[in-house]
Protein backbone atom coordinates (compact mmCIF):
# COMPACT_ATOMS: atom_id res chain seq x y z
CA UNK A 1 -0.03 0.00 0.06
CA UNK A 2 1.15 3.53 -0.52
CA UNK A 3 2.32 5.44 2.51
CA UNK A 4 3.36 8.85 2.85
CA UNK A 5 5.20 10.10 6.17
CA UNK A 6 5.80 13.69 6.68
CA UNK A 7 8.18 15.08 9.52
CA UNK A 8 10.08 18.21 10.26
CA UNK A 9 7.36 20.50 11.31
CA UNK A 10 7.69 22.60 14.51
CA UNK A 11 7.25 26.13 16.04
CA UNK A 12 9.49 28.84 14.50
CA UNK A 13 9.59 32.66 14.82
CA UNK A 14 8.86 34.92 11.81
CA UNK A 15 11.91 34.85 9.53
CA UNK A 16 13.00 31.51 10.61
CA UNK A 17 13.40 28.25 8.72
CA UNK A 18 12.30 24.66 8.73
CA UNK A 19 13.12 21.75 6.53
CA UNK A 20 10.17 19.19 6.12
CA UNK A 21 10.73 15.74 4.94
CA UNK A 22 8.46 13.10 3.42
CA UNK A 23 9.27 9.46 3.06
CA UNK A 24 7.29 7.42 0.43
CA UNK A 25 6.74 3.78 0.16
CA UNK A 26 4.57 1.43 -1.85
CA UNK A 27 4.73 3.60 -4.77
CA UNK A 28 6.72 3.68 -8.15
CA UNK A 29 8.35 6.93 -6.73
CA UNK A 30 10.42 7.78 -9.90
CA UNK A 31 7.18 7.77 -11.92
CA UNK A 32 5.29 10.32 -9.89
CA UNK A 33 5.19 14.05 -9.34
CA UNK A 34 5.73 14.80 -5.72
CA UNK A 35 4.26 17.78 -4.16
CA UNK A 36 3.46 19.60 -0.84
CA UNK A 37 0.21 20.73 0.37
CA UNK A 38 -0.81 22.75 3.30
CA UNK A 39 -4.08 23.23 5.22
CA UNK A 40 -4.41 26.09 7.63
CA UNK A 41 -7.50 26.02 10.11
CA UNK A 42 -10.82 26.57 8.42
CA UNK A 43 -9.28 26.53 5.00
CA UNK A 44 -8.85 24.13 2.18
CA UNK A 45 -6.06 22.09 1.36
CA UNK A 46 -3.74 24.04 -1.23
CA UNK A 47 -0.98 23.08 -3.28
CA UNK A 48 2.30 24.75 -2.29
CA UNK A 49 4.95 23.11 -4.56
CA UNK A 50 5.51 20.17 -6.81
CA UNK A 51 8.58 18.58 -8.47
CA UNK A 52 8.78 15.93 -11.21
CA UNK A 53 11.13 13.20 -11.08
CA UNK A 54 13.60 15.16 -13.33
CA UNK A 55 13.53 17.98 -10.95
CA UNK A 56 11.28 20.50 -12.64
CA UNK A 57 9.51 22.47 -10.07
CA UNK A 58 6.55 24.76 -9.57
CA UNK A 59 5.56 26.87 -6.54
CA UNK A 60 2.59 28.81 -5.35
CA UNK A 61 3.00 32.48 -5.61
CA UNK A 62 2.87 32.79 -1.99
CA UNK A 63 6.02 30.76 -1.31
CA UNK A 64 7.93 31.52 -4.34
CA UNK A 65 11.51 32.61 -3.63
CA UNK A 66 11.13 31.45 0.09
CA UNK A 67 10.46 27.85 -0.31
CA UNK A 68 12.53 25.10 -2.21
CA UNK A 69 11.19 21.59 -3.11
CA UNK A 70 13.54 18.86 -3.62
CA UNK A 71 13.60 15.07 -4.07
CA UNK A 72 16.01 12.10 -3.90
CA UNK A 73 14.58 9.27 -6.00
CA UNK A 74 17.01 6.66 -4.68
CA UNK A 75 15.85 7.45 -1.29
CA UNK A 76 12.14 7.92 -2.20
CA UNK A 77 12.19 11.18 -0.16
CA UNK A 78 10.83 14.63 -0.87
CA UNK A 79 11.80 17.79 0.88
CA UNK A 80 10.53 21.16 1.50
CA UNK A 81 13.00 23.95 2.63
CA UNK A 82 11.15 26.74 4.19
CA UNK A 83 12.95 30.05 4.66
CA UNK A 84 11.67 33.57 5.54
CA UNK A 85 8.74 32.10 7.35
CA UNK A 86 5.71 34.13 8.04
CA UNK A 87 2.75 33.70 10.27
CA UNK A 88 0.52 33.13 7.29
CA UNK A 89 2.71 29.88 6.53
CA UNK A 90 1.18 28.34 9.68
CA UNK A 91 -0.58 25.10 8.61
CA UNK A 92 -0.35 21.35 8.59
CA UNK A 93 1.87 20.38 5.67
CA UNK A 94 1.23 17.23 3.78
CA UNK A 95 3.13 15.55 0.81
CA UNK A 96 1.58 14.03 -2.13
CA UNK A 97 2.17 11.74 -4.96
CA UNK A 98 0.54 12.57 -8.37
CA UNK A 99 0.84 13.68 -11.97
CA UNK A 100 0.34 16.48 -14.16
CA UNK A 101 -2.77 16.39 -16.42
CA UNK A 102 -5.35 18.61 -17.78
CA UNK A 103 -3.34 21.77 -16.95
CA UNK A 104 -3.06 21.05 -13.27
CA UNK A 105 -1.36 18.88 -10.60
CA UNK A 106 -3.44 15.86 -9.62
CA UNK A 107 -2.63 14.29 -6.23
CA UNK A 108 -3.51 10.88 -5.52
CA UNK A 109 -5.95 9.83 -2.49
CA UNK A 110 -3.06 8.72 -0.20
CA UNK A 111 -2.27 11.40 2.57
CA UNK A 112 -0.02 10.91 5.35
CA UNK A 113 -0.69 12.44 8.90
CA UNK A 114 0.96 15.81 7.98
CA UNK A 115 3.17 17.67 10.02
CA UNK A 116 2.30 20.91 11.97
CA UNK A 117 4.37 24.35 10.95
CA UNK A 118 3.50 27.08 13.25
CA UNK A 119 5.00 30.43 12.76
CA UNK A 120 4.57 32.92 15.82
CA UNK A 121 6.51 35.21 17.72
């Protein structure tokens, strides 16, 4: 079965940094587009970043130039380096496996438990 396990969240001050990790198993990792979503209280889950097997990336405008997504296909890991964090970045962050189709990123239904990121002074 597909399993995605996120880690690395925590409490940071505005302007601080965190690195999130996602370990994937039960999936043809090298064949899928990996992504990071986040969900703030009372809000819908939104796509933050995505990366293809070859390393092509896309970012939400709200995190562009601050966040960097990367992956290690051999280790079946995907990462999200978050710099210059803002209170608005506070959310539960989830990684995803999916594909590009129909002009958008399409995540599969397998979600992990997520990892909490709280940005507060």
